[in-house]
Amino acid sequence: MTTTRVPLGRRNALAEPRRLLAAVGGVGLALMLILLLDGLWAGIETNITTYEDNVGADLYVAQPGARNFIGAVSRLPADTVATVRAVPDVEWAAPVRSFLSIVSVHDRKVPANVIGYTPGEPGGPWELRSGRTPTSDDEIVVGSTLARQHGVRVGEQLTLLGTRFTVVGTTTDAFMVSFVFMTHDAADVLVRSPGTTSFVLIGTADPTAVRARLEASGLTVLDRDTLARNDLGLVARAYKVPLTVMRGVAFAVGSLVIALTTYSAIAERTREYGIVKAIGARGRDLIRIALQQSMIVSLGGMVAGGLLYVAGRAVIVAARPQFAIVATPGNVGRALLATVLMGLIASVVPARRLIRLEPATAYRGG
């Protein structure tokens, strides 16, 4: 005897199109939020170490106790540069002044990571988008994100710590806080600390040997990877916990939407499921019905979430270009897995209701 399976779960899931669309939209919004948050963190990881990744230094000499480049308080005597240059195997050494400040842009206050460097030496802009590098102490190069977001053009004047500077170029930018490059002398005047520098950047073919020699002379030395890792860790302490909490909330909301949709669809057809159970449906058949309904909502949510993510990312990047949202295969895979898990978890309560359903009671109640 041949039996034909009736796709009861699929039929009932599709029986109420408006409810299904609302559920798919809710799950899609949850998935969109997960993708955006994961993409934001991927953007942080990619861009927070932009300076270290591009400036070309193998080692950084810093003030004792300094662990980061971004926002670090580091002050060294200016003659540290000469000390470093005298060490064997040092190919080049360049001082840079680094500090966080506020730039006045068209009556708005914009945070910026200011880098003071010596023109003609490493430490300055590595890729100009327009214009040229500073050649005098009243000139600056600004990050392209800052320029694009606030409509800054080459030739304009901006105010930084009460001093007016002329923008002579734009450069590749970093995450959230844009770069502003100026001469080291100009930076010295702004922070009122002549005769000092923040870091000494070092280029060498033998970082291990040079580091050992410098540390033996009493200097604090960080390699590029350590400095980048510390910068990422600094940002992670500020952002990762909130992002993780928001991802968890999105996952919980998506699971709840699927569970409520599936449960209500089953509750409305209690008599129908009672009959199915009365004619011999086993527990695993009922579980399959609940799971099928949940997964239909989940799969619909995947499609909706992908479309909403593309639209949401475009809106965010257009409105706030300083926020880099990067879609990686790993992030997409984890988000899709999360949606499947939503469906699996959400099917538990409806499945338990079906398994405990008494056919006679269900029929009388229907």
Protein backbone atom coordinates (compact mmCIF):
# COMPACT_ATOMS: atom_id res chain seq x y z
CA MET A 1 0.00 0.00 0.00
CA THR A 2 1.38 3.38 -1.00
CA THR A 3 0.96 6.35 1.33
CA THR A 4 1.20 9.96 0.33
CA ARG A 5 2.53 12.53 2.76
CA VAL A 6 0.40 15.63 3.01
CA PRO A 7 2.63 18.72 3.55
CA LEU A 8 0.46 19.85 6.46
CA GLY A 9 3.08 22.09 8.05
CA ARG A 10 3.81 23.91 4.81
CA ARG A 11 0.13 24.27 3.95
CA ASN A 12 -0.76 25.74 7.32
CA ALA A 13 2.27 28.05 7.35
CA LEU A 14 1.16 29.49 4.01
CA ALA A 15 -2.53 29.60 4.89
CA GLU A 16 -2.31 33.09 6.41
CA PRO A 17 -0.14 35.16 4.03
CA ARG A 18 -0.38 38.38 6.03
CA ARG A 19 0.74 36.71 9.24
CA LEU A 20 3.52 34.91 7.41
CA LEU A 21 4.75 38.13 5.80
CA ALA A 22 4.71 39.91 9.16
CA ALA A 23 6.70 37.08 10.74
CA VAL A 24 9.17 36.96 7.85
CA GLY A 25 9.60 40.72 8.14
CA GLY A 26 10.26 40.46 11.88
CA VAL A 27 12.84 37.72 11.42
CA GLY A 28 14.35 39.66 8.51
CA LEU A 29 14.78 42.73 10.70
CA ALA A 30 16.46 40.62 13.38
CA LEU A 31 18.80 39.07 10.80
CA MET A 32 19.53 42.49 9.31
CA LEU A 33 20.54 43.79 12.73
CA ILE A 34 22.82 40.80 13.30
CA LEU A 35 24.46 41.29 9.90
CA LEU A 36 24.90 45.04 10.44
CA LEU A 37 26.41 44.57 13.90
CA ASP A 38 28.76 41.84 12.69
CA GLY A 39 29.67 43.99 9.69
CA LEU A 40 30.35 46.95 11.95
CA TRP A 41 32.73 44.90 14.07
CA ALA A 42 34.44 43.54 10.95
CA GLY A 43 34.86 47.15 9.82
CA ILE A 44 36.41 48.03 13.16
CA GLU A 45 38.86 45.12 12.90
CA THR A 46 39.75 46.09 9.35
CA ASN A 47 40.16 49.84 9.84
CA ILE A 48 41.20 50.49 13.42
CA THR A 49 44.82 49.59 12.62
CA THR A 50 44.91 51.56 9.36
CA TYR A 51 47.91 53.64 10.45
CA GLU A 52 50.03 50.68 11.57
CA ASP A 53 49.06 48.71 8.47
CA ASN A 54 50.12 51.41 6.03
CA VAL A 55 52.80 53.63 7.53
CA GLY A 56 55.53 51.01 6.97
CA ALA A 57 57.15 50.98 10.42
CA ASP A 58 58.38 47.69 11.86
CA LEU A 59 58.94 48.97 15.40
CA TYR A 60 57.67 51.83 17.55
CA VAL A 61 59.61 53.40 20.41
CA ALA A 62 57.19 54.76 23.02
CA GLN A 63 57.06 56.16 26.51
CA PRO A 64 57.39 53.46 29.19
CA GLY A 65 53.93 52.07 29.94
CA ALA A 66 52.41 53.05 26.60
CA ARG A 67 50.68 50.12 24.89
CA ASN A 68 48.59 51.75 22.16
CA PHE A 69 49.01 54.11 19.26
CA ILE A 70 45.42 55.40 19.18
CA GLY A 71 44.72 57.78 22.02
CA ALA A 72 47.94 56.87 23.82
CA VAL A 73 49.71 59.26 26.14
CA SER A 74 53.34 58.97 25.09
CA ARG A 75 56.08 61.58 25.38
CA LEU A 76 59.72 61.06 24.47
CA PRO A 77 62.67 63.47 24.31
CA ALA A 78 63.28 64.61 20.75
CA ASP A 79 66.87 63.35 20.89
CA THR A 80 65.51 59.78 21.14
CA VAL A 81 65.43 59.84 17.34
CA ALA A 82 69.20 60.30 17.14
CA THR A 83 69.73 57.54 19.69
CA VAL A 84 67.63 55.15 17.62
CA ARG A 85 69.31 56.08 14.34
CA ALA A 86 72.70 55.21 15.84
CA VAL A 87 71.64 51.61 16.54
CA PRO A 88 73.00 49.03 14.04
CA ASP A 89 70.51 47.64 11.49
CA VAL A 90 68.13 50.61 11.81
CA GLU A 91 67.37 51.62 8.22
CA TRP A 92 65.34 54.70 9.14
CA ALA A 93 63.80 56.34 12.18
CA ALA A 94 61.17 59.09 12.18
CA PRO A 95 59.43 60.95 15.01
CA VAL A 96 55.64 61.34 15.03
CA ARG A 97 53.37 63.28 17.34
CA SER A 98 49.99 61.60 17.91
CA PHE A 99 47.03 62.90 19.89
CA LEU A 100 43.24 63.05 19.77
CA SER A 101 41.68 66.47 19.27
CA ILE A 102 38.61 68.33 18.04
CA VAL A 103 38.48 70.06 14.66
CA SER A 104 36.01 72.88 14.01
CA VAL A 105 34.42 72.12 10.64
CA HIS A 106 31.68 74.45 9.41
CA ASP A 107 30.57 75.28 12.97
CA ARG A 108 30.62 71.62 13.97
CA LYS A 109 33.01 69.89 16.35
CA VAL A 110 34.55 66.76 14.83
CA PRO A 111 36.93 64.38 16.66
CA ALA A 112 40.17 63.63 14.85
CA ASN A 113 43.38 61.69 15.35
CA VAL A 114 46.10 64.27 14.73
CA ILE A 115 49.44 63.06 13.40
CA GLY A 116 52.42 65.40 13.35
CA TYR A 117 55.32 64.24 11.19
CA THR A 118 58.44 65.61 9.57
CA PRO A 119 57.84 66.37 5.86
CA GLY A 120 59.95 64.14 3.66
CA GLU A 121 60.16 61.40 6.31
CA PRO A 122 57.88 58.41 7.00
CA GLY A 123 54.91 58.85 9.30
CA GLY A 124 52.68 61.04 7.16
CA PRO A 125 49.94 60.32 4.61
CA TRP A 126 50.65 57.17 2.62
CA GLU A 127 47.95 57.59 -0.04
CA LEU A 128 46.64 60.99 -1.07
CA ARG A 129 43.15 61.18 -2.54
CA SER A 130 43.58 64.78 -3.63
CA GLY A 131 45.96 67.72 -3.26
CA ARG A 132 49.42 67.42 -1.71
CA THR A 133 51.16 66.90 1.62
CA PRO A 134 51.80 69.79 4.08
CA THR A 135 54.99 71.76 3.49
CA SER A 136 54.49 74.53 6.07
CA ASP A 137 53.23 74.67 9.64
CA ASP A 138 49.85 76.19 8.74
CA GLU A 139 48.82 73.39 6.37
CA ILE A 140 47.03 70.10 7.00
CA VAL A 141 45.82 67.02 5.17
CA VAL A 142 42.47 65.61 6.34
CA GLY A 143 40.95 62.16 6.04
CA SER A 144 38.74 61.56 3.02
CA THR A 145 35.82 60.46 5.23
CA LEU A 146 35.87 63.72 7.17
CA ALA A 147 36.14 65.67 3.93
CA ARG A 148 33.27 63.81 2.29
CA GLN A 149 30.95 63.85 5.30
CA HIS A 150 31.38 67.55 6.05
CA GLY A 151 31.98 68.88 2.55
CA VAL A 152 35.57 69.98 3.19
CA ARG A 153 37.47 71.01 0.07
CA VAL A 154 41.13 71.61 -0.62
CA GLY A 155 41.89 75.27 0.05
CA GLU A 156 39.43 75.66 2.94
CA GLN A 157 40.52 76.67 6.40
CA LEU A 158 39.72 74.65 9.53
CA THR A 159 40.30 75.47 13.19
CA LEU A 160 42.11 73.08 15.51
CA LEU A 161 42.77 74.05 19.15
CA GLY A 162 42.24 77.70 18.28
CA THR A 163 44.67 77.70 15.34
CA ARG A 164 43.63 78.07 11.70
CA PHE A 165 45.02 75.64 9.14
CA THR A 166 44.61 75.44 5.37
CA VAL A 167 43.55 72.09 3.94
CA VAL A 168 46.00 71.18 1.17
CA GLY A 169 44.98 67.55 0.59
CA THR A 170 42.85 64.56 1.56
CA THR A 171 44.07 61.08 2.36
CA THR A 172 42.91 57.51 2.97
CA ASP A 173 41.03 57.44 6.24
CA ALA A 174 40.46 55.25 9.29
CA PHE A 175 37.44 53.96 11.19
CA MET A 176 35.18 56.48 12.95
CA VAL A 177 37.88 59.02 13.90
CA SER A 178 39.49 60.64 10.87
CA PHE A 179 43.17 61.45 10.50
CA VAL A 180 44.50 64.99 10.34
CA PHE A 181 48.15 65.23 9.26
CA MET A 182 50.33 68.27 9.91
CA THR A 183 54.00 69.03 10.40
CA HIS A 184 55.61 67.87 13.63
CA ASP A 185 56.53 71.48 14.47
CA ALA A 186 52.90 72.57 14.13
CA ALA A 187 51.78 69.73 16.39
CA ASP A 188 54.43 70.71 18.96
CA VAL A 189 52.97 74.21 19.12
CA LEU A 190 49.40 72.93 19.50
CA VAL A 191 50.22 70.68 22.46
CA ARG A 192 52.78 73.16 23.85
CA SER A 193 55.46 70.52 24.14
CA PRO A 194 58.52 71.52 22.11
CA GLY A 195 61.53 69.26 22.18
CA THR A 196 59.45 66.09 22.51
CA THR A 197 57.68 63.54 20.34
CA SER A 198 55.13 60.78 20.91
CA PHE A 199 56.70 57.85 19.05
CA VAL A 200 59.76 57.04 17.03
CA LEU A 201 58.91 54.88 14.03
CA ILE A 202 61.60 52.45 12.90
CA GLY A 203 62.18 50.64 9.64
CA THR A 204 64.51 47.64 9.78
CA ALA A 205 65.14 44.30 8.12
CA ASP A 206 65.93 42.72 11.51
CA PRO A 207 63.26 43.85 14.01
CA THR A 208 64.19 41.24 16.62
CA ALA A 209 67.83 42.30 16.87
CA VAL A 210 67.05 46.03 16.79
CA ARG A 211 64.38 45.66 19.44
CA ALA A 212 66.77 43.78 21.72
CA ARG A 213 69.43 46.48 21.35
CA LEU A 214 66.98 49.31 22.01
CA GLU A 215 65.46 47.60 25.04
CA ALA A 216 68.94 46.95 26.39
CA SER A 217 69.51 50.71 26.26
CA GLY A 218 66.38 51.29 28.35
CA LEU A 219 63.86 52.20 25.65
CA THR A 220 60.32 50.80 25.41
CA VAL A 221 59.76 49.18 22.02
CA LEU A 222 56.58 47.74 20.50
CA ASP A 223 56.39 45.84 17.23
CA ARG A 224 53.69 46.58 14.68
CA ASP A 225 51.62 43.47 15.39
CA THR A 226 51.61 44.04 19.15
CA LEU A 227 50.63 47.68 18.77
CA ALA A 228 47.85 46.81 16.32
CA ARG A 229 46.58 44.05 18.61
CA ASN A 230 46.56 46.43 21.57
CA ASP A 231 44.66 49.07 19.59
CA LEU A 232 42.08 46.49 18.57
CA GLY A 233 41.81 45.29 22.16
CA LEU A 234 41.25 48.86 23.35
CA VAL A 235 38.35 49.31 20.95
CA ALA A 236 37.00 45.84 21.73
CA ARG A 237 36.67 46.74 25.39
CA ALA A 238 34.50 49.69 24.42
CA TYR A 239 32.40 48.12 21.67
CA LYS A 240 32.39 44.34 21.73
CA VAL A 241 30.20 43.78 24.80
CA PRO A 242 27.43 46.17 23.64
CA LEU A 243 27.55 44.68 20.14
CA THR A 244 27.34 41.15 21.55
CA VAL A 245 24.38 42.10 23.74
CA MET A 246 22.55 43.66 20.79
CA ARG A 247 23.21 40.57 18.66
CA GLY A 248 21.79 38.42 21.45
CA VAL A 249 18.69 40.59 21.68
CA ALA A 250 18.19 40.37 17.90
CA PHE A 251 18.54 36.58 18.03
CA ALA A 252 16.03 36.34 20.90
CA VAL A 253 13.52 38.58 19.11
CA GLY A 254 13.81 36.56 15.90
CA SER A 255 13.31 33.29 17.79
CA LEU A 256 10.29 34.72 19.62
CA VAL A 257 8.67 35.93 16.39
CA ILE A 258 9.03 32.48 14.81
CA ALA A 259 7.78 30.71 17.94
CA LEU A 260 4.70 32.93 18.29
CA THR A 261 3.85 32.61 14.61
CA THR A 262 4.18 28.82 14.63
CA TYR A 263 2.36 28.44 17.94
CA SER A 264 -0.57 30.61 16.88
CA ALA A 265 -0.87 28.76 13.56
CA ILE A 266 -1.01 25.45 15.43
CA ALA A 267 -3.42 26.74 18.10
CA GLU A 268 -5.88 27.89 15.43
CA ARG A 269 -5.98 24.39 13.95
CA THR A 270 -6.12 22.32 17.10
CA ARG A 271 -9.00 20.18 15.78
CA GLU A 272 -7.13 19.47 12.55
CA TYR A 273 -4.02 18.34 14.40
CA GLY A 274 -6.15 16.31 16.80
CA ILE A 275 -7.56 14.38 13.87
CA VAL A 276 -4.07 13.87 12.46
CA LYS A 277 -2.95 12.45 15.78
CA ALA A 278 -6.08 10.31 16.08
CA ILE A 279 -5.45 8.60 12.75
CA GLY A 280 -1.99 7.52 13.84
CA ALA A 281 0.49 10.39 13.49
CA ARG A 282 3.51 9.69 15.65
CA GLY A 283 5.39 12.14 17.83
CA ARG A 284 8.18 12.59 15.30
CA ASP A 285 5.59 13.38 12.61
CA LEU A 286 4.15 16.14 14.78
CA ILE A 287 7.63 17.47 15.53
CA ARG A 288 8.29 17.54 11.80
CA ILE A 289 5.13 19.60 11.27
CA ALA A 290 6.15 22.20 13.85
CA LEU A 291 9.72 22.28 12.55
CA GLN A 292 8.57 22.67 8.97
CA GLN A 293 6.40 25.67 9.85
CA SER A 294 9.21 27.29 11.83
CA MET A 295 11.77 26.74 9.09
CA ILE A 296 9.51 28.26 6.44
CA VAL A 297 9.46 31.46 8.48
CA SER A 298 13.23 31.21 9.03
CA LEU A 299 14.02 30.74 5.35
CA GLY A 300 11.74 33.61 4.41
CA GLY A 301 13.50 35.69 7.05
CA MET A 302 16.87 34.87 5.47
CA VAL A 303 15.77 36.35 2.16
CA ALA A 304 14.14 39.37 3.78
CA GLY A 305 17.14 39.89 6.07
CA GLY A 306 19.57 39.86 3.15
CA LEU A 307 17.56 42.47 1.25
CA LEU A 308 17.09 44.63 4.34
CA TYR A 309 20.82 44.40 5.11
CA VAL A 310 21.80 45.64 1.65
CA ALA A 311 19.36 48.55 1.95
CA GLY A 312 20.28 49.33 5.56
CA ARG A 313 24.01 49.26 4.88
CA ALA A 314 23.61 51.63 1.93
CA VAL A 315 21.64 54.09 4.06
CA ILE A 316 24.12 53.97 6.96
CA VAL A 317 27.22 54.34 4.79
CA ALA A 318 25.65 57.24 2.89
CA ALA A 319 24.59 59.03 6.08
CA ARG A 320 27.63 58.15 8.22
CA PRO A 321 30.59 57.26 5.98
CA GLN A 322 32.90 56.99 9.00
CA PHE A 323 31.19 53.71 9.89
CA ALA A 324 32.70 50.92 7.81
CA ILE A 325 30.33 47.94 7.53
CA VAL A 326 32.09 44.95 6.00
CA ALA A 327 30.33 41.76 4.96
CA THR A 328 32.65 38.76 5.32
CA PRO A 329 31.87 35.13 4.40
CA GLY A 330 32.25 34.22 8.06
CA ASN A 331 29.75 36.86 9.18
CA VAL A 332 27.21 35.86 6.55
CA GLY A 333 27.60 32.18 7.41
CA ARG A 334 27.15 32.84 11.13
CA ALA A 335 24.07 34.97 10.48
CA LEU A 336 22.48 32.26 8.33
CA LEU A 337 23.30 29.66 10.97
CA ALA A 338 21.72 31.92 13.59
CA THR A 339 18.53 32.07 11.53
CA VAL A 340 18.39 28.28 11.27
CA LEU A 341 18.94 28.04 15.03
CA MET A 342 16.09 30.51 15.53
CA GLY A 343 13.81 28.14 13.64
CA LEU A 344 15.00 25.07 15.55
CA ILE A 345 14.65 26.72 18.95
CA ALA A 346 11.32 28.32 18.08
CA SER A 347 9.83 24.94 17.08
CA VAL A 348 10.28 23.43 20.57
CA VAL A 349 7.20 24.92 22.27
CA PRO A 350 4.78 24.32 19.35
CA ALA A 351 6.11 20.76 19.01
CA ARG A 352 5.53 20.10 22.73
CA ARG A 353 1.94 21.33 22.35
CA LEU A 354 1.32 18.96 19.47
CA ILE A 355 2.86 15.98 21.26
CA ARG A 356 0.74 16.58 24.38
CA LEU A 357 -2.43 17.14 22.37
CA GLU A 358 -5.28 14.77 23.24
CA PRO A 359 -7.27 14.01 20.07
CA ALA A 360 -10.68 13.77 21.78
CA THR A 361 -10.16 16.99 23.75
CA ALA A 362 -8.89 18.79 20.68
CA TYR A 363 -11.90 17.69 18.64
CA ARG A 364 -14.40 18.78 21.28
CA GLY A 365 -12.56 22.09 21.78
CA GLY A 366 -12.44 22.82 18.06
